[in-house]
């Protein structure tokens, strides 16, 4: 769709967002995306996932694609190895920061949700209350809580006594309200939080997500790349929303999906079609063409 000069090659690691990148508007991985991932891996390029989703939620996607590298989840807050569910990294808030965040959220009449590293215990998050399982036509946060009720646990004193193993969280509401909350949290905890406002394709309302400072999909990706001995310049990152900005900026080759906001497309090296229109097939074509160019260049790095 558009192009810019391609950074140094070859690309050795491809990191993919999930919603709106790997999955289409039906929340499924389409056949052309599966084929693209297969072609890329067959060419010797490692493939990883960096998502805003919870670990448990993205695990079937990774398994279905045969992706065995650690999964960067909760926008970098938790990195786990799918083979044995071992935790390789879990973010931690500085002392007192999460308490301040939760107090600000509750002070606006909102309900906070806090993620914990509790896969083995059978749940993923804590909240102060869960709606009835049979709630009819839930809206706002209740839509999320009803859908994921089996993965939540109630803790009435959550605001005053958050769990020590919390690595991220969010509040949910109208777009303007979430932008206002983001601004308030940034002012209340300067330099201590990673913040963004994003809308999940599964829900009508927006999320203001918070994590410890410097925790992003890119920070998680760098952990994987370092373990593989891969430099940032040899990483290609693909995404479609504001929580993908750090990895699109940081990677040697940053690619935005066609449905990405202008702020994301503006910083990308390349822009491809949407996930519904074969965007990942375009990514595969770009990477494989670059690889073919490298091999046709005597003396170029393999």
Protein backbone atom coordinates (compact mmCIF):
# COMPACT_ATOMS: atom_id res chain seq x y z
CA UNK A 1 0.00 0.00 0.00
CA UNK A 2 2.89 2.34 0.77
CA UNK A 3 6.58 1.96 1.30
CA UNK A 4 9.67 3.54 2.78
CA UNK A 5 13.34 2.61 2.61
CA UNK A 6 13.83 -0.80 4.14
CA UNK A 7 16.35 -0.96 7.05
CA UNK A 8 19.35 -3.30 7.06
CA UNK A 9 18.65 -6.94 6.34
CA UNK A 10 18.27 -9.82 6.79
CA UNK A 11 15.26 -10.12 9.09
CA UNK A 12 15.68 -13.08 11.43
CA UNK A 13 12.66 -12.64 13.76
CA UNK A 14 9.10 -11.65 12.91
CA UNK A 15 6.93 -10.49 15.81
CA UNK A 16 3.17 -10.34 15.24
CA UNK A 17 0.33 -8.66 17.06
CA UNK A 18 -2.84 -10.79 17.22
CA UNK A 19 -6.12 -8.85 17.03
CA UNK A 20 -6.37 -7.02 13.73
CA UNK A 21 -3.06 -8.45 12.55
CA UNK A 22 -3.08 -12.23 12.81
CA UNK A 23 -6.86 -12.40 13.23
CA UNK A 24 -9.51 -10.91 10.97
CA UNK A 25 -12.77 -9.12 11.76
CA UNK A 26 -14.33 -12.48 12.67
CA UNK A 27 -11.63 -12.93 15.37
CA UNK A 28 -10.20 -15.92 13.48
CA UNK A 29 -6.81 -16.55 11.88
CA UNK A 30 -7.67 -16.68 8.16
CA UNK A 31 -6.17 -19.26 5.82
CA UNK A 32 -3.96 -16.72 4.04
CA UNK A 33 -2.44 -15.63 7.37
CA UNK A 34 -1.73 -19.25 8.32
CA UNK A 35 -0.10 -19.79 4.95
CA UNK A 36 1.96 -16.60 5.34
CA UNK A 37 3.28 -17.68 8.74
CA UNK A 38 4.16 -21.09 7.29
CA UNK A 39 6.05 -19.56 4.37
CA UNK A 40 7.98 -17.23 6.65
CA UNK A 41 8.99 -20.00 9.04
CA UNK A 42 9.96 -22.27 6.14
CA UNK A 43 12.36 -19.55 4.98
CA UNK A 44 14.17 -19.77 8.33
CA UNK A 45 12.69 -16.67 9.95
CA UNK A 46 11.57 -17.22 13.55
CA UNK A 47 8.00 -16.11 14.36
CA UNK A 48 6.81 -14.82 17.75
CA UNK A 49 3.66 -13.20 19.11
CA UNK A 50 3.36 -9.95 21.08
CA UNK A 51 -0.21 -9.19 22.08
CA UNK A 52 -2.36 -7.23 24.47
CA UNK A 53 -4.31 -10.40 25.18
CA UNK A 54 -3.97 -12.49 28.30
CA UNK A 55 -1.64 -15.50 28.08
CA UNK A 56 -4.44 -18.04 28.38
CA UNK A 57 -6.38 -16.30 25.62
CA UNK A 58 -3.58 -16.26 23.07
CA UNK A 59 -2.20 -19.72 23.79
CA UNK A 60 -4.59 -21.52 21.36
CA UNK A 61 -3.62 -19.08 18.59
CA UNK A 62 0.07 -19.80 19.07
CA UNK A 63 -0.50 -23.55 19.33
CA UNK A 64 -2.60 -23.58 16.19
CA UNK A 65 0.19 -21.87 14.26
CA UNK A 66 2.95 -24.04 15.71
CA UNK A 67 4.61 -21.06 17.38
CA UNK A 68 6.85 -22.32 20.18
CA UNK A 69 8.75 -19.17 21.13
CA UNK A 70 7.80 -17.42 24.39
CA UNK A 71 4.59 -15.39 24.19
CA UNK A 72 4.68 -11.67 24.98
CA UNK A 73 1.26 -11.03 26.51
CA UNK A 74 -0.62 -8.19 28.24
CA UNK A 75 1.32 -5.72 26.07
CA UNK A 76 4.63 -6.87 27.54
CA UNK A 77 3.54 -7.34 31.14
CA UNK A 78 3.90 -11.12 31.10
CA UNK A 79 6.18 -13.37 29.02
CA UNK A 80 5.60 -17.10 29.29
CA UNK A 81 6.91 -20.20 27.54
CA UNK A 82 4.03 -22.18 25.99
CA UNK A 83 5.79 -25.56 26.19
CA UNK A 84 5.56 -25.68 30.00
CA UNK A 85 3.83 -22.37 30.89
CA UNK A 86 6.94 -21.20 32.72
CA UNK A 87 7.05 -17.47 33.47
CA UNK A 88 10.12 -15.83 31.94
CA UNK A 89 9.17 -12.28 32.93
CA UNK A 90 6.41 -10.68 34.98
CA UNK A 91 6.38 -6.91 35.42
CA UNK A 92 6.15 -5.42 38.91
CA UNK A 93 4.94 -1.98 39.98
CA UNK A 94 7.16 0.21 42.12
CA UNK A 95 6.10 0.36 45.75
CA UNK A 96 2.85 2.26 46.24
CA UNK A 97 2.25 2.95 42.55
CA UNK A 98 -0.51 0.40 41.97
CA UNK A 99 -2.32 1.58 45.10
CA UNK A 100 -2.32 5.14 43.73
CA UNK A 101 -3.53 3.95 40.34
CA UNK A 102 -6.40 1.90 41.75
CA UNK A 103 -7.46 4.72 44.06
CA UNK A 104 -7.63 7.11 41.09
CA UNK A 105 -9.63 4.60 39.05
CA UNK A 106 -12.11 4.00 41.87
CA UNK A 107 -12.28 7.75 42.56
CA UNK A 108 -13.73 8.23 39.10
CA UNK A 109 -16.46 5.70 39.85
CA UNK A 110 -14.79 3.04 37.71
CA UNK A 111 -14.03 -0.58 38.50
CA UNK A 112 -10.38 -1.65 38.14
CA UNK A 113 -9.28 -5.04 36.84
CA UNK A 114 -5.83 -6.30 37.85
CA UNK A 115 -3.92 -9.05 36.02
CA UNK A 116 -2.00 -11.64 38.03
CA UNK A 117 0.33 -14.45 36.97
CA UNK A 118 -2.11 -17.17 38.01
CA UNK A 119 -2.43 -19.44 34.98
CA UNK A 120 -1.70 -22.55 37.05
CA UNK A 121 -4.35 -21.53 39.59
CA UNK A 122 -6.98 -21.37 36.87
CA UNK A 123 -7.68 -17.63 36.80
CA UNK A 124 -6.17 -14.53 35.21
CA UNK A 125 -7.43 -11.40 36.96
CA UNK A 126 -8.91 -9.87 40.10
CA UNK A 127 -11.77 -7.40 40.41
CA UNK A 128 -13.91 -6.13 43.28
CA UNK A 129 -17.07 -7.78 42.03
CA UNK A 130 -18.23 -10.17 39.34
CA UNK A 131 -21.68 -9.76 37.72
CA UNK A 132 -24.11 -12.68 37.73
CA UNK A 133 -23.23 -15.34 35.17
CA UNK A 134 -26.71 -14.99 33.65
CA UNK A 135 -26.63 -11.19 33.35
CA UNK A 136 -28.65 -10.11 30.32
CA UNK A 137 -27.22 -7.75 27.70
CA UNK A 138 -24.24 -6.63 29.80
CA UNK A 139 -22.53 -3.42 28.77
CA UNK A 140 -19.25 -1.69 29.58
CA UNK A 141 -16.96 -3.60 31.90
CA UNK A 142 -19.74 -6.06 32.72
CA UNK A 143 -19.56 -7.31 29.12
CA UNK A 144 -15.90 -8.21 29.70
CA UNK A 145 -16.53 -9.70 33.13
CA UNK A 146 -19.45 -11.86 31.98
CA UNK A 147 -17.49 -13.14 29.01
CA UNK A 148 -14.46 -13.96 31.18
CA UNK A 149 -16.22 -14.63 34.47
CA UNK A 150 -14.66 -18.07 34.91
CA UNK A 151 -11.20 -16.50 34.78
CA UNK A 152 -11.81 -13.78 37.37
CA UNK A 153 -11.74 -13.79 41.16
CA UNK A 154 -13.40 -11.29 43.47
CA UNK A 155 -11.35 -9.33 46.00
CA UNK A 156 -13.39 -6.71 47.79
CA UNK A 157 -10.37 -4.83 49.19
CA UNK A 158 -8.54 -4.79 45.85
CA UNK A 159 -8.03 -1.01 45.84
CA UNK A 160 -6.52 -0.88 49.31
CA UNK A 161 -4.64 -4.19 49.14
CA UNK A 162 -3.67 -5.10 45.58
CA UNK A 163 -1.84 -8.39 45.01
CA UNK A 164 1.94 -8.32 45.12
CA UNK A 165 2.15 -10.28 41.86
CA UNK A 166 0.06 -7.84 39.80
CA UNK A 167 1.81 -7.00 36.54
CA UNK A 168 -0.80 -4.88 34.72
CA UNK A 169 -4.44 -3.86 34.74
CA UNK A 170 -7.12 -1.73 33.14
CA UNK A 171 -10.31 0.24 33.52
CA UNK A 172 -13.07 0.35 30.93
CA UNK A 173 -15.45 3.04 29.73
CA UNK A 174 -16.22 5.63 27.08
CA UNK A 175 -13.33 6.89 24.96
CA UNK A 176 -13.26 10.40 26.43
CA UNK A 177 -13.41 9.02 29.97
CA UNK A 178 -10.49 6.68 29.32
CA UNK A 179 -8.39 9.46 27.80
CA UNK A 180 -9.10 11.60 30.86
CA UNK A 181 -8.12 8.72 33.16
CA UNK A 182 -4.90 8.17 31.20
CA UNK A 183 -3.99 11.84 31.64
CA UNK A 184 -4.77 11.75 35.37
CA UNK A 185 -2.72 8.60 35.97
CA UNK A 186 0.21 10.01 34.02
CA UNK A 187 0.16 13.18 36.16
CA UNK A 188 -0.29 11.26 39.42
CA UNK A 189 2.56 8.81 38.74
CA UNK A 190 5.03 10.67 36.49
CA UNK A 191 7.52 8.34 34.85
CA UNK A 192 6.22 5.31 36.74
CA UNK A 193 3.64 3.90 34.34
CA UNK A 194 3.24 2.63 30.82
CA UNK A 195 -0.21 3.77 29.64
CA UNK A 196 -2.37 3.57 26.55
CA UNK A 197 -6.04 3.76 25.60
CA UNK A 198 -7.18 1.05 23.25
CA UNK A 199 -10.38 -0.59 22.10
CA UNK A 200 -10.68 -4.36 21.95
CA UNK A 201 -12.55 -5.51 18.83
CA UNK A 202 -14.70 -7.70 21.06
CA UNK A 203 -16.18 -4.85 23.14
CA UNK A 204 -17.92 -1.55 22.55
CA UNK A 205 -16.11 0.44 25.25
CA UNK A 206 -12.46 1.44 25.50
CA UNK A 207 -9.75 0.28 27.88
CA UNK A 208 -7.21 2.43 29.69
CA UNK A 209 -4.45 -0.10 30.28
CA UNK A 210 -1.69 0.47 32.81
CA UNK A 211 1.58 -1.32 33.51
CA UNK A 212 4.90 -0.46 35.13
CA UNK A 213 7.06 2.08 33.32
CA UNK A 214 8.91 0.89 30.20
CA UNK A 215 6.82 -2.28 29.94
CA UNK A 216 5.72 -2.64 26.32
CA UNK A 217 5.45 -5.24 23.60
CA UNK A 218 8.89 -4.09 22.45
CA UNK A 219 10.49 -4.64 25.87
CA UNK A 220 9.10 -8.18 25.80
CA UNK A 221 10.25 -8.72 22.24
CA UNK A 222 13.78 -7.63 23.12
CA UNK A 223 13.93 -10.38 25.75
CA UNK A 224 13.08 -13.01 23.15
CA UNK A 225 15.44 -11.55 20.55
CA UNK A 226 18.31 -11.37 23.04
CA UNK A 227 17.86 -15.03 24.00
CA UNK A 228 18.01 -15.93 20.30
CA UNK A 229 21.09 -13.78 19.70
CA UNK A 230 19.16 -11.50 17.33
CA UNK A 231 19.83 -7.76 17.12
CA UNK A 232 16.88 -5.31 17.05
CA UNK A 233 17.81 -4.38 13.47
CA UNK A 234 17.05 -7.97 12.42
CA UNK A 235 13.53 -7.89 13.90
CA UNK A 236 10.38 -7.16 11.92
CA UNK A 237 7.36 -6.12 14.02
CA UNK A 238 3.79 -5.97 12.67
CA UNK A 239 0.78 -4.43 14.41
CA UNK A 240 -2.32 -2.32 14.07
CA UNK A 241 -2.86 -0.18 17.18
CA UNK A 242 -1.25 2.22 19.63
CA UNK A 243 0.11 -0.51 21.91
CA UNK A 244 2.15 -1.67 18.89
CA UNK A 245 3.89 1.70 18.50
CA UNK A 246 6.99 0.87 20.61
CA UNK A 247 7.76 -2.31 18.69
CA UNK A 248 7.03 -0.80 15.27
CA UNK A 249 9.36 2.10 16.11
CA UNK A 250 12.05 -0.10 17.66
CA UNK A 251 12.25 -2.93 15.14
CA UNK A 252 14.59 -2.90 12.18
CA UNK A 253 11.49 -3.17 10.00
CA UNK A 254 8.19 -1.90 11.39
CA UNK A 255 5.02 -2.73 9.48
CA UNK A 256 1.53 -1.36 10.13
CA UNK A 257 -1.68 -2.99 9.02
CA UNK A 258 -3.90 -0.88 6.77
CA UNK A 259 -6.53 -0.48 9.49
CA UNK A 260 -4.03 0.99 11.97
CA UNK A 261 -4.61 4.56 13.22
CA UNK A 262 -2.70 7.29 11.42
CA UNK A 263 -0.33 7.66 14.40
CA UNK A 264 0.76 4.04 13.89
CA UNK A 265 0.93 4.13 10.10
CA UNK A 266 2.96 7.33 10.26
CA UNK A 267 5.88 5.69 12.10
CA UNK A 268 5.88 2.41 10.15
CA UNK A 269 8.46 1.60 7.49
CA UNK A 270 5.79 -0.17 5.46
CA UNK A 271 1.99 -0.29 5.45
CA UNK A 272 0.15 -3.38 4.17
CA UNK A 273 -3.49 -4.29 3.65
CA UNK A 274 -5.88 -5.15 6.47
CA UNK A 275 -6.03 -8.61 8.01
CA UNK A 276 -9.26 -9.19 6.06
CA UNK A 277 -7.58 -8.26 2.78
CA UNK A 278 -4.42 -10.38 2.94
CA UNK A 279 -2.13 -8.08 4.89
CA UNK A 280 0.01 -10.89 6.31
CA UNK A 281 0.46 -12.37 2.85
CA UNK A 282 1.96 -9.00 1.89
CA UNK A 283 4.26 -9.18 4.92
CA UNK A 284 5.44 -12.62 3.82
CA UNK A 285 6.06 -11.35 0.28
CA UNK A 286 8.14 -8.43 1.64
CA UNK A 287 10.26 -10.61 3.90
CA UNK A 288 10.78 -13.37 1.35
CA UNK A 289 11.64 -10.92 -1.43
CA UNK A 290 14.20 -9.26 0.83
CA UNK A 291 15.65 -12.68 1.68
CA UNK A 292 15.92 -13.56 -2.00
CA UNK A 293 17.71 -10.26 -2.64
CA UNK A 294 20.19 -11.05 0.14
CA UNK A 295 20.98 -14.47 -1.34
CA UNK A 296 21.50 -12.99 -4.80
CA UNK A 297 24.07 -10.54 -3.48
CA UNK A 298 27.56 -12.05 -3.34
CA UNK A 299 29.29 -11.06 -0.14
CA UNK A 300 26.07 -9.94 1.55
CA UNK A 301 25.33 -11.42 5.00
CA UNK A 302 23.40 -14.68 4.90
